[in-house]
Amino acid sequence: MADLGKKYCVYCLADVTNLRLRCTECQDIELCPECFSAGAEIGGHRRGHGYQLVDGGRFTLWGPEAEGGWTSREEQLLLDAIEQYGFGNWEDMAAHVGPSRTPQEVMDHYVNMYIHGNLGKACIPDSIPNRVTDHTCPSGGPLSPSLTTPLPPLDISVAEQQQLGYMPLRDDYEIEYDQDAETLISGLSVNYDDDDVEIEMKRAHVDMYVRKLKERQRRKTIARDYNLVPAFLGKDKKEKEKEKDKAVTGNATPSATAATSATVKRKITKEEKEQRLKLRPLCQFMAFRELEEFFENMHKERLLRAKIRELQRYRRNGITKLDESVEFEAARHKREKRKENKSVNQSKRGGSTGGGGSSGIKEDGKDTEFAAIEHLSGFELLSEREKVLCNSLNLSPTSYLTVKTIIIKDHLQKRQGIPSKSRLPSYLDKVIKKRILNFLTESGWISRDAS
């Protein structure tokens, strides 16, 4: 007969007196951790139901073989204590856990189970950047790598070192940033009769000095990252000129030649230089490579925006394929060239004397073929055949382009099965509409069934 004071799992009948998971939606459904983790379902109970952890506080988290027999409630109090008092305050932590645990037991259990145990091996990485060293341990601890491993010295000549006041073995300068920072702590001393206010004042001075040292190191790091010292000495310009000369003569290495060709190919415009100058304060917060990638991405964004505007211009002119854009650009280039020739001819006619009168009349006869519409807006968007059509119909280029857009749009909607109503202007005559439809059909803009 089962003991009345014990609880059993309803699925596997295991003893769950110390720890069980109770369903909040089903009555008298209590599972062991193994069945709960496997998603056991029995009767109307489903694995997606809400649950409640019922802990008697007497089971061991690390198993019965763990030393000391720490219960789950003591483990919870230990974790609360380490979060509240911090690592090393073992007496306060022992008082928080309870009178049954000494500070030595608390320290041994936490170090063995949570740091050197399986949990610590799984959660704590082997190398932690800026790891805090416990200098209170009897054996002492190693110094910080930043103190024992100095940065490599700058690659500059002796004359340049003297010019800068640079000391390569110490990686310092004769005149550092905030040269008088050491005066904050030069006269500090710890006396046995100092009161709390004086001690806090001295600590504040030390903190101010450390902050100044960090700022000094930060400036050195920025100067090293952005290669400011060679730029100050003018060495970067000389190296670029040498690389260009080697690339031209063919004596450079393939990598240097590729880098030089990339720099020559990618020229920075005046606007981009001004933008870089405005965004120079970002150097304090971003590394050199990150800042260069930021500028390159902004350059790509400008190129994409320009390409989008170009595609939108093609779409406004009725071009939907890239093959048609080539013809459009060629026609536009011809129109611009004709405009330039026309302005040149007009300037020549204006400055010529009577000896060139006959040629001027001939040119006037040629240029005034579309005199009625050439000064109207939208004339430069028309092809030669469209110019002849608008001139013969005495129709403005803007009106023709509007009618053309409406007809082509209605034709495309009819092909897609979308009912459309013609919204042609009221001033459009039937004869003019028929002429435009025939012209668009012959040009291939619309099919013959639409006309």
Protein backbone atom coordinates (compact mmCIF):
# COMPACT_ATOMS: atom_id res chain seq x y z
CA MET A 1 0.00 0.00 0.00
CA ALA A 2 1.39 3.37 -1.03
CA ASP A 3 2.27 5.88 1.66
CA LEU A 4 -0.45 8.46 2.12
CA GLY A 5 2.01 11.33 2.57
CA LYS A 6 3.78 10.78 -0.72
CA LYS A 7 2.93 12.04 -4.21
CA TYR A 8 3.29 9.96 -7.38
CA CYS A 9 3.46 10.79 -11.07
CA VAL A 10 0.16 9.98 -12.80
CA TYR A 11 2.00 8.76 -15.90
CA CYS A 12 4.95 6.66 -14.66
CA LEU A 13 3.98 6.36 -10.93
CA ALA A 14 7.39 7.67 -9.82
CA ASP A 15 7.79 9.36 -6.43
CA VAL A 16 7.45 13.14 -6.96
CA THR A 17 7.10 14.24 -3.34
CA ASN A 18 10.13 16.53 -3.47
CA LEU A 19 9.57 18.01 -6.95
CA ARG A 20 6.59 17.76 -9.30
CA LEU A 21 4.85 19.78 -12.02
CA ARG A 22 1.14 20.33 -11.54
CA CYS A 23 -1.22 21.15 -14.43
CA THR A 24 -3.16 24.36 -13.84
CA GLU A 25 -5.97 23.35 -16.20
CA CYS A 26 -6.54 19.69 -15.27
CA GLN A 27 -7.41 18.47 -11.80
CA ASP A 28 -5.15 15.98 -9.99
CA ILE A 29 -2.58 15.88 -12.82
CA GLU A 30 0.94 15.92 -11.41
CA LEU A 31 3.95 14.76 -13.46
CA CYS A 32 7.58 14.07 -12.73
CA PRO A 33 10.22 16.23 -14.50
CA GLU A 34 11.10 13.36 -16.90
CA CYS A 35 7.52 12.83 -18.09
CA PHE A 36 6.90 16.57 -18.27
CA SER A 37 10.00 17.15 -20.42
CA ALA A 38 8.96 14.27 -22.72
CA GLY A 39 5.51 15.87 -23.22
CA ALA A 40 3.44 13.10 -21.64
CA GLU A 41 -0.34 13.31 -22.20
CA ILE A 42 -2.95 11.33 -20.28
CA GLY A 43 -6.72 11.60 -20.34
CA GLY A 44 -7.75 15.17 -21.13
CA HIS A 45 -4.33 16.57 -20.24
CA ARG A 46 -2.29 18.01 -23.12
CA ARG A 47 1.34 19.07 -23.24
CA GLY A 48 0.39 22.66 -24.07
CA HIS A 49 -1.50 23.24 -20.81
CA GLY A 50 -0.21 25.64 -18.20
CA TYR A 51 1.83 24.21 -15.37
CA GLN A 52 3.01 25.06 -11.87
CA LEU A 53 6.24 23.92 -10.22
CA VAL A 54 5.64 22.39 -6.81
CA ASP A 55 8.90 22.27 -4.86
CA GLY A 56 9.13 20.81 -1.41
CA GLY A 57 12.57 22.37 -1.10
CA ARG A 58 14.19 19.09 -0.13
CA PHE A 59 15.52 17.71 -3.41
CA THR A 60 19.16 18.23 -4.44
CA LEU A 61 19.88 20.15 -7.63
CA TRP A 62 23.20 18.42 -8.35
CA GLY A 63 22.10 14.91 -7.39
CA PRO A 64 22.52 12.89 -4.22
CA GLU A 65 26.24 12.39 -4.88
CA ALA A 66 27.01 16.12 -4.58
CA GLU A 67 28.95 17.18 -1.52
CA GLY A 68 27.15 18.91 1.31
CA GLY A 69 23.62 17.91 0.38
CA TRP A 70 22.52 21.38 -0.74
CA THR A 71 18.76 21.56 -1.26
CA SER A 72 17.05 23.47 -4.04
CA ARG A 73 15.93 26.18 -1.63
CA GLU A 74 19.49 26.73 -0.46
CA GLU A 75 20.67 26.89 -4.06
CA GLN A 76 18.12 29.61 -4.80
CA LEU A 77 19.19 31.59 -1.73
CA LEU A 78 22.84 31.22 -2.81
CA LEU A 79 22.13 32.63 -6.28
CA ASP A 80 20.16 35.50 -4.76
CA ALA A 81 23.08 36.21 -2.41
CA ILE A 82 25.74 36.21 -5.16
CA GLU A 83 23.62 38.67 -7.14
CA GLN A 84 22.98 40.90 -4.14
CA TYR A 85 26.38 40.94 -2.40
CA GLY A 86 28.77 40.10 -5.23
CA PHE A 87 31.56 37.56 -5.60
CA GLY A 88 33.86 37.39 -2.56
CA ASN A 89 31.47 38.51 0.20
CA TRP A 90 31.13 34.99 1.57
CA GLU A 91 30.16 36.00 5.10
CA ASP A 92 27.17 38.03 3.96
CA MET A 93 26.23 35.29 1.54
CA ALA A 94 26.38 32.63 4.28
CA ALA A 95 24.15 34.75 6.51
CA HIS A 96 21.69 35.09 3.64
CA VAL A 97 21.64 31.34 2.91
CA GLY A 98 21.05 30.41 6.54
CA PRO A 99 22.78 29.49 9.79
CA SER A 100 23.41 25.92 8.62
CA ARG A 101 26.08 27.06 6.10
CA THR A 102 29.48 28.57 6.94
CA PRO A 103 31.28 31.08 4.67
CA GLN A 104 33.83 28.42 3.72
CA GLU A 105 31.08 25.99 2.68
CA VAL A 106 29.36 28.69 0.64
CA MET A 107 32.61 29.58 -1.17
CA ASP A 108 33.58 25.95 -1.86
CA HIS A 109 30.13 25.02 -3.13
CA TYR A 110 29.81 28.03 -5.45
CA VAL A 111 33.33 27.71 -6.88
CA ASN A 112 33.15 23.93 -7.37
CA MET A 113 29.63 23.75 -8.80
CA TYR A 114 29.03 27.04 -10.60
CA ILE A 115 32.53 28.00 -11.80
CA HIS A 116 34.64 24.86 -12.15
CA GLY A 117 31.68 22.51 -12.59
CA ASN A 118 29.82 21.55 -15.75
CA LEU A 119 27.65 24.68 -15.57
CA GLY A 120 30.69 26.95 -15.50
CA LYS A 121 32.40 25.07 -18.33
CA ALA A 122 29.30 25.43 -20.49
CA CYS A 123 28.55 29.09 -19.73
CA ILE A 124 31.88 30.79 -18.96
CA PRO A 125 34.19 31.18 -22.02
CA ASP A 126 37.87 30.37 -21.73
CA SER A 127 39.01 33.88 -22.70
CA ILE A 128 36.99 36.81 -21.37
CA PRO A 129 37.91 40.29 -22.66
CA ASN A 130 38.61 42.83 -19.90
CA ARG A 131 38.25 40.09 -17.31
CA VAL A 132 38.47 41.31 -13.73
CA THR A 133 41.23 39.62 -11.73
CA ASP A 134 40.67 38.82 -8.08
CA HIS A 135 43.85 40.30 -6.54
CA THR A 136 42.74 39.29 -3.05
CA CYS A 137 43.68 35.64 -3.63
CA PRO A 138 46.80 34.51 -1.73
CA SER A 139 48.71 33.46 -4.86
CA GLY A 140 48.17 36.81 -6.58
CA GLY A 141 47.11 37.27 -10.22
CA PRO A 142 48.67 38.23 -13.54
CA LEU A 143 48.73 41.82 -14.70
CA SER A 144 46.49 43.06 -17.47
CA PRO A 145 47.73 42.24 -21.00
CA SER A 146 47.55 45.95 -21.88
CA LEU A 147 50.23 46.59 -19.26
CA THR A 148 52.54 43.69 -20.09
CA THR A 149 52.14 43.69 -23.90
CA PRO A 150 52.82 47.16 -25.33
CA LEU A 151 51.64 48.22 -28.77
CA PRO A 152 54.18 48.02 -31.60
CA PRO A 153 56.04 51.33 -32.06
CA LEU A 154 55.42 53.61 -35.01
CA ASP A 155 57.49 52.91 -38.11
CA ILE A 156 59.14 56.30 -38.48
CA SER A 157 62.73 57.44 -38.80
CA VAL A 158 64.86 58.87 -36.00
CA ALA A 159 64.57 62.40 -37.38
CA GLU A 160 60.79 62.09 -37.46
CA GLN A 161 60.80 60.73 -33.90
CA GLN A 162 62.73 63.78 -32.76
CA GLN A 163 60.37 66.04 -34.68
CA LEU A 164 57.33 64.54 -32.95
CA GLY A 165 58.99 64.01 -29.58
CA TYR A 166 58.13 60.33 -29.85
CA MET A 167 59.73 57.66 -27.65
CA PRO A 168 59.29 54.30 -29.45
CA LEU A 169 60.30 52.03 -26.58
CA ARG A 170 57.60 53.47 -24.34
CA ASP A 171 55.17 54.40 -27.13
CA ASP A 172 54.83 57.81 -25.51
CA TYR A 173 55.35 61.42 -26.48
CA GLU A 174 57.27 64.10 -24.66
CA ILE A 175 54.12 66.21 -24.59
CA GLU A 176 51.06 64.06 -24.04
CA TYR A 177 47.41 65.00 -24.10
CA ASP A 178 46.57 66.75 -20.82
CA GLN A 179 50.21 66.91 -19.80
CA ASP A 180 49.41 67.99 -16.24
CA ALA A 181 47.15 65.00 -15.49
CA GLU A 182 49.72 63.47 -13.12
CA THR A 183 49.47 66.43 -10.76
CA LEU A 184 46.15 65.01 -9.53
CA ILE A 185 47.86 62.09 -7.80
CA SER A 186 51.47 63.24 -7.44
CA GLY A 187 50.87 64.46 -3.88
CA LEU A 188 48.44 61.79 -2.71
CA SER A 189 49.29 59.64 0.27
CA VAL A 190 47.26 57.36 2.49
CA ASN A 191 47.45 58.33 6.17
CA TYR A 192 46.13 56.35 9.09
CA ASP A 193 44.29 59.37 10.51
CA ASP A 194 42.34 60.16 7.31
CA ASP A 195 38.61 60.37 7.82
CA ASP A 196 36.01 59.07 5.38
CA VAL A 197 35.64 62.37 3.52
CA GLU A 198 39.39 62.65 2.84
CA ILE A 199 39.56 59.05 1.66
CA GLU A 200 36.67 59.60 -0.74
CA MET A 201 38.32 62.78 -2.04
CA LYS A 202 41.53 60.89 -2.76
CA ARG A 203 39.60 58.15 -4.49
CA ALA A 204 37.87 60.79 -6.62
CA HIS A 205 41.29 62.18 -7.64
CA VAL A 206 42.46 58.72 -8.63
CA ASP A 207 39.28 58.17 -10.62
CA MET A 208 39.79 61.49 -12.44
CA TYR A 209 43.38 60.50 -13.25
CA VAL A 210 42.29 57.13 -14.62
CA ARG A 211 39.71 58.83 -16.83
CA LYS A 212 42.37 61.18 -18.21
CA LEU A 213 44.63 58.20 -18.96
CA LYS A 214 41.79 56.47 -20.80
CA GLU A 215 41.14 59.59 -22.86
CA ARG A 216 44.85 59.84 -23.66
CA GLN A 217 44.93 56.23 -24.79
CA ARG A 218 41.76 56.69 -26.82
CA ARG A 219 43.34 59.55 -28.75
CA LYS A 220 46.45 57.48 -29.42
CA THR A 221 44.29 54.62 -30.68
CA ILE A 222 42.41 56.94 -33.05
CA ALA A 223 45.68 58.39 -34.35
CA ARG A 224 47.04 54.87 -34.90
CA ASP A 225 43.85 53.58 -36.53
CA TYR A 226 43.41 56.52 -38.92
CA ASN A 227 47.13 56.66 -39.76
CA LEU A 228 47.31 60.31 -38.67
CA VAL A 229 51.03 60.38 -37.84
CA PRO A 230 52.21 59.46 -41.37
CA ALA A 231 49.62 61.87 -42.75
CA PHE A 232 51.06 64.62 -40.55
CA LEU A 233 54.55 63.81 -41.79
CA GLY A 234 53.39 63.63 -45.43
CA LYS A 235 54.48 60.01 -45.85
CA ASP A 236 51.12 58.77 -47.10
CA LYS A 237 51.24 61.04 -50.15
CA LYS A 238 54.74 59.90 -50.99
CA GLU A 239 53.73 56.24 -50.69
CA LYS A 240 50.71 56.77 -52.95
CA GLU A 241 52.88 58.49 -55.56
CA LYS A 242 55.39 55.63 -55.43
CA GLU A 243 52.62 53.05 -55.84
CA LYS A 244 51.24 54.94 -58.84
CA ASP A 245 54.70 55.14 -60.41
CA LYS A 246 55.24 51.41 -59.87
CA ALA A 247 51.84 50.61 -61.32
CA VAL A 248 52.61 52.71 -64.40
CA THR A 249 56.08 51.20 -64.93
CA GLY A 250 54.80 47.66 -64.20
CA ASN A 251 57.17 46.95 -61.31
CA ALA A 252 54.52 46.81 -58.62
CA THR A 253 53.12 43.66 -57.08
CA PRO A 254 49.70 42.46 -58.27
CA SER A 255 48.03 43.38 -54.97
CA ALA A 256 49.51 46.88 -54.96
CA THR A 257 48.59 47.34 -58.62
CA ALA A 258 45.02 46.27 -57.95
CA ALA A 259 44.76 48.60 -54.95
CA THR A 260 46.19 51.50 -56.98
CA SER A 261 43.86 50.86 -59.90
CA ALA A 262 40.93 50.73 -57.47
CA THR A 263 41.89 54.07 -55.95
CA VAL A 264 42.38 55.61 -59.38
CA LYS A 265 39.08 54.22 -60.61
CA ARG A 266 37.14 55.40 -57.59
CA LYS A 267 37.65 59.16 -57.49
CA ILE A 268 36.06 61.13 -54.68
CA THR A 269 33.96 64.03 -55.92
CA LYS A 270 33.91 67.50 -54.44
CA GLU A 271 30.49 66.94 -52.85
CA GLU A 272 31.68 63.73 -51.25
CA LYS A 273 34.75 65.47 -49.87
CA GLU A 274 32.55 68.13 -48.30
CA GLN A 275 30.31 65.42 -46.85
CA ARG A 276 33.31 63.58 -45.38
CA LEU A 277 34.45 66.84 -43.83
CA LYS A 278 31.06 67.37 -42.20
CA LEU A 279 30.99 63.81 -40.84
CA ARG A 280 34.53 63.93 -39.49
CA PRO A 281 33.34 63.89 -35.83
CA LEU A 282 32.23 60.28 -36.41
CA CYS A 283 35.90 59.28 -36.31
CA GLN A 284 35.69 59.40 -32.50
CA PHE A 285 33.07 56.65 -32.42
CA MET A 286 33.85 54.45 -35.44
CA ALA A 287 36.93 52.57 -36.55
CA PHE A 288 38.62 53.52 -39.79
CA ARG A 289 37.33 50.48 -41.67
CA GLU A 290 33.78 50.99 -40.40
CA LEU A 291 33.83 54.65 -41.43
CA GLU A 292 35.13 53.81 -44.92
CA GLU A 293 32.42 51.19 -45.33
CA PHE A 294 29.86 53.79 -44.20
CA PHE A 295 31.03 56.25 -46.89
CA GLU A 296 31.10 53.52 -49.54
CA ASN A 297 27.53 52.55 -48.66
CA MET A 298 26.45 56.18 -48.95
CA HIS A 299 28.11 56.32 -52.39
CA LYS A 300 26.24 53.17 -53.45
CA GLU A 301 23.01 54.72 -52.18
CA ARG A 302 23.56 57.79 -54.36
CA LEU A 303 24.20 55.59 -57.39
CA LEU A 304 21.05 53.58 -56.71
CA ARG A 305 18.96 56.73 -56.31
CA ALA A 306 20.30 58.07 -59.62
CA LYS A 307 19.50 54.74 -61.30
CA ILE A 308 15.98 54.78 -59.86
CA ARG A 309 15.41 58.32 -61.19
CA GLU A 310 16.65 57.21 -64.61
CA LEU A 311 14.28 54.23 -64.65
CA GLN A 312 11.39 56.44 -63.57
CA ARG A 313 12.21 58.81 -66.44
CA TYR A 314 12.13 55.85 -68.84
CA ARG A 315 8.75 54.78 -67.48
CA ARG A 316 7.32 58.30 -67.86
CA ASN A 317 8.34 58.19 -71.53
CA GLY A 318 6.62 54.83 -72.06
CA ILE A 319 9.74 52.65 -72.03
CA THR A 320 9.29 49.32 -70.26
CA LYS A 321 12.30 47.35 -71.55
CA LEU A 322 16.01 47.97 -71.28
CA ASP A 323 16.47 47.33 -75.00
CA GLU A 324 14.22 50.29 -75.77
CA SER A 325 16.19 52.51 -73.42
CA VAL A 326 19.25 52.22 -75.67
CA GLU A 327 17.31 53.61 -78.63
CA PHE A 328 15.82 56.29 -76.41
CA GLU A 329 19.23 57.44 -75.19
CA ALA A 330 20.58 57.45 -78.74
CA ALA A 331 17.63 59.58 -79.91
CA ARG A 332 18.04 61.91 -76.94
CA HIS A 333 21.74 62.27 -77.71
CA LYS A 334 20.89 63.16 -81.31
CA ARG A 335 18.36 65.75 -80.16
CA GLU A 336 20.85 67.36 -77.83
CA LYS A 337 23.45 67.37 -80.56
CA ARG A 338 20.99 69.03 -82.96
CA LYS A 339 20.24 71.65 -80.31
CA GLU A 340 23.92 72.36 -79.88
CA ASN A 341 24.41 72.61 -83.64
CA LYS A 342 21.38 74.85 -83.88
CA SER A 343 22.69 77.21 -81.21
CA VAL A 344 26.08 77.26 -82.92
CA ASN A 345 24.50 78.03 -86.29
CA GLN A 346 22.39 80.78 -84.76
CA SER A 347 25.46 82.33 -83.17
CA LYS A 348 27.27 82.10 -86.50
CA ARG A 349 24.37 83.68 -88.36
CA GLY A 350 24.16 86.43 -85.81
CA GLY A 351 27.88 87.22 -86.15
CA SER A 352 28.17 86.75 -89.94
CA THR A 353 28.05 89.60 -92.51
CA GLY A 354 26.19 89.84 -95.81
CA GLY A 355 28.62 87.48 -97.53
CA GLY A 356 26.96 84.48 -95.87
CA GLY A 357 23.37 85.51 -96.58
CA SER A 358 22.52 82.71 -99.00
CA SER A 359 23.65 79.94 -96.65
CA GLY A 360 21.78 81.59 -93.81
CA ILE A 361 18.53 81.52 -95.77
CA LYS A 362 19.02 77.85 -96.50
CA GLU A 363 19.66 77.10 -92.86
CA ASP A 364 16.65 79.16 -91.86
CA GLY A 365 14.53 77.14 -94.21
CA LYS A 366 15.74 73.94 -92.62
CA ASP A 367 15.47 75.07 -89.01
CA THR A 368 12.03 76.61 -89.34
CA GLU A 369 10.42 73.33 -90.49
CA PHE A 370 8.82 72.94 -87.04
CA ALA A 371 8.75 76.62 -86.17
CA ALA A 372 5.15 76.41 -84.96
CA ILE A 373 5.85 73.85 -82.22
CA GLU A 374 9.61 73.83 -81.56
CA HIS A 375 9.37 76.42 -78.80
CA LEU A 376 6.57 74.61 -76.95
CA SER A 377 7.15 72.42 -73.89
CA GLY A 378 7.61 68.71 -74.59
CA PHE A 379 9.04 69.25 -78.06
CA GLU A 380 12.35 67.65 -77.12
CA LEU A 381 10.52 64.44 -76.09
CA LEU A 382 9.15 63.84 -79.59
CA SER A 383 10.75 61.73 -82.28
CA GLU A 384 11.16 63.05 -85.82
CA ARG A 385 8.01 61.32 -87.02
CA GLU A 386 6.04 62.59 -84.02
CA LYS A 387 7.23 66.11 -84.73
CA VAL A 388 5.96 65.80 -88.31
CA LEU A 389 2.61 64.45 -87.05
CA CYS A 390 2.12 67.24 -84.48
CA ASN A 391 3.14 69.86 -87.02
CA SER A 392 0.70 68.51 -89.63
CA LEU A 393 -2.15 68.27 -87.10
CA ASN A 394 -1.27 71.66 -85.56
CA LEU A 395 -1.24 69.87 -82.19
CA SER A 396 0.98 70.92 -79.26
CA PRO A 397 3.55 68.32 -78.05
CA THR A 398 2.04 68.30 -74.57
CA SER A 399 -1.46 67.51 -75.87
CA TYR A 400 -0.08 64.79 -78.14
CA LEU A 401 1.87 63.18 -75.30
CA THR A 402 -1.25 63.23 -73.09
CA VAL A 403 -3.40 61.58 -75.77
CA LYS A 404 -0.65 59.04 -76.51
CA THR A 405 -0.32 58.08 -72.83
CA ILE A 406 -4.10 57.64 -72.41
CA ILE A 407 -4.44 55.50 -75.55
CA ILE A 408 -1.52 53.22 -74.64
CA LYS A 409 -2.75 52.86 -71.05
CA ASP A 410 -6.28 51.92 -72.20
CA HIS A 411 -4.80 49.43 -74.66
CA LEU A 412 -2.73 47.74 -71.93
CA GLN A 413 -5.75 47.53 -69.59
CA LYS A 414 -7.86 45.93 -72.34
CA ARG A 415 -5.13 43.34 -72.99
CA GLN A 416 -5.15 42.49 -69.27
CA GLY A 417 -8.92 42.13 -69.24
CA ILE A 418 -9.49 45.28 -67.17
CA PRO A 419 -12.43 47.39 -68.36
CA SER A 420 -11.33 50.94 -69.03
CA LYS A 421 -13.09 54.10 -70.06
CA SER A 422 -11.41 56.41 -72.53
CA ARG A 423 -10.66 59.74 -70.90
CA LEU A 424 -9.51 61.60 -74.01
CA PRO A 425 -9.64 65.41 -73.88
CA SER A 426 -12.85 67.01 -75.11
CA TYR A 427 -11.04 69.22 -77.59
CA LEU A 428 -9.72 66.20 -79.54
CA ASP A 429 -11.36 65.87 -82.96
CA LYS A 430 -12.31 62.43 -84.32
CA VAL A 431 -10.10 62.91 -87.36
CA ILE A 432 -7.13 63.80 -85.17
CA LYS A 433 -7.84 60.81 -82.93
CA LYS A 434 -7.93 58.49 -85.93
CA ARG A 435 -4.66 59.93 -87.27
CA ILE A 436 -2.98 59.39 -83.89
CA LEU A 437 -4.33 55.82 -83.62
CA ASN A 438 -3.05 54.96 -87.08
CA PHE A 439 0.33 56.48 -86.25
CA LEU A 440 0.65 54.52 -83.00
CA THR A 441 -0.37 51.31 -84.79
CA GLU A 442 2.17 51.80 -87.56
CA SER A 443 4.87 52.62 -84.97
CA GLY A 444 4.14 49.42 -83.02
CA TRP A 445 2.93 51.11 -79.83
CA ILE A 446 -0.47 49.37 -79.97
CA SER A 447 -1.82 46.38 -81.90
CA ARG A 448 -4.12 46.71 -84.91
CA ASP A 449 -7.16 45.23 -83.14
CA ALA A 450 -7.13 48.15 -80.69
CA SER A 451 -7.20 50.70 -83.48
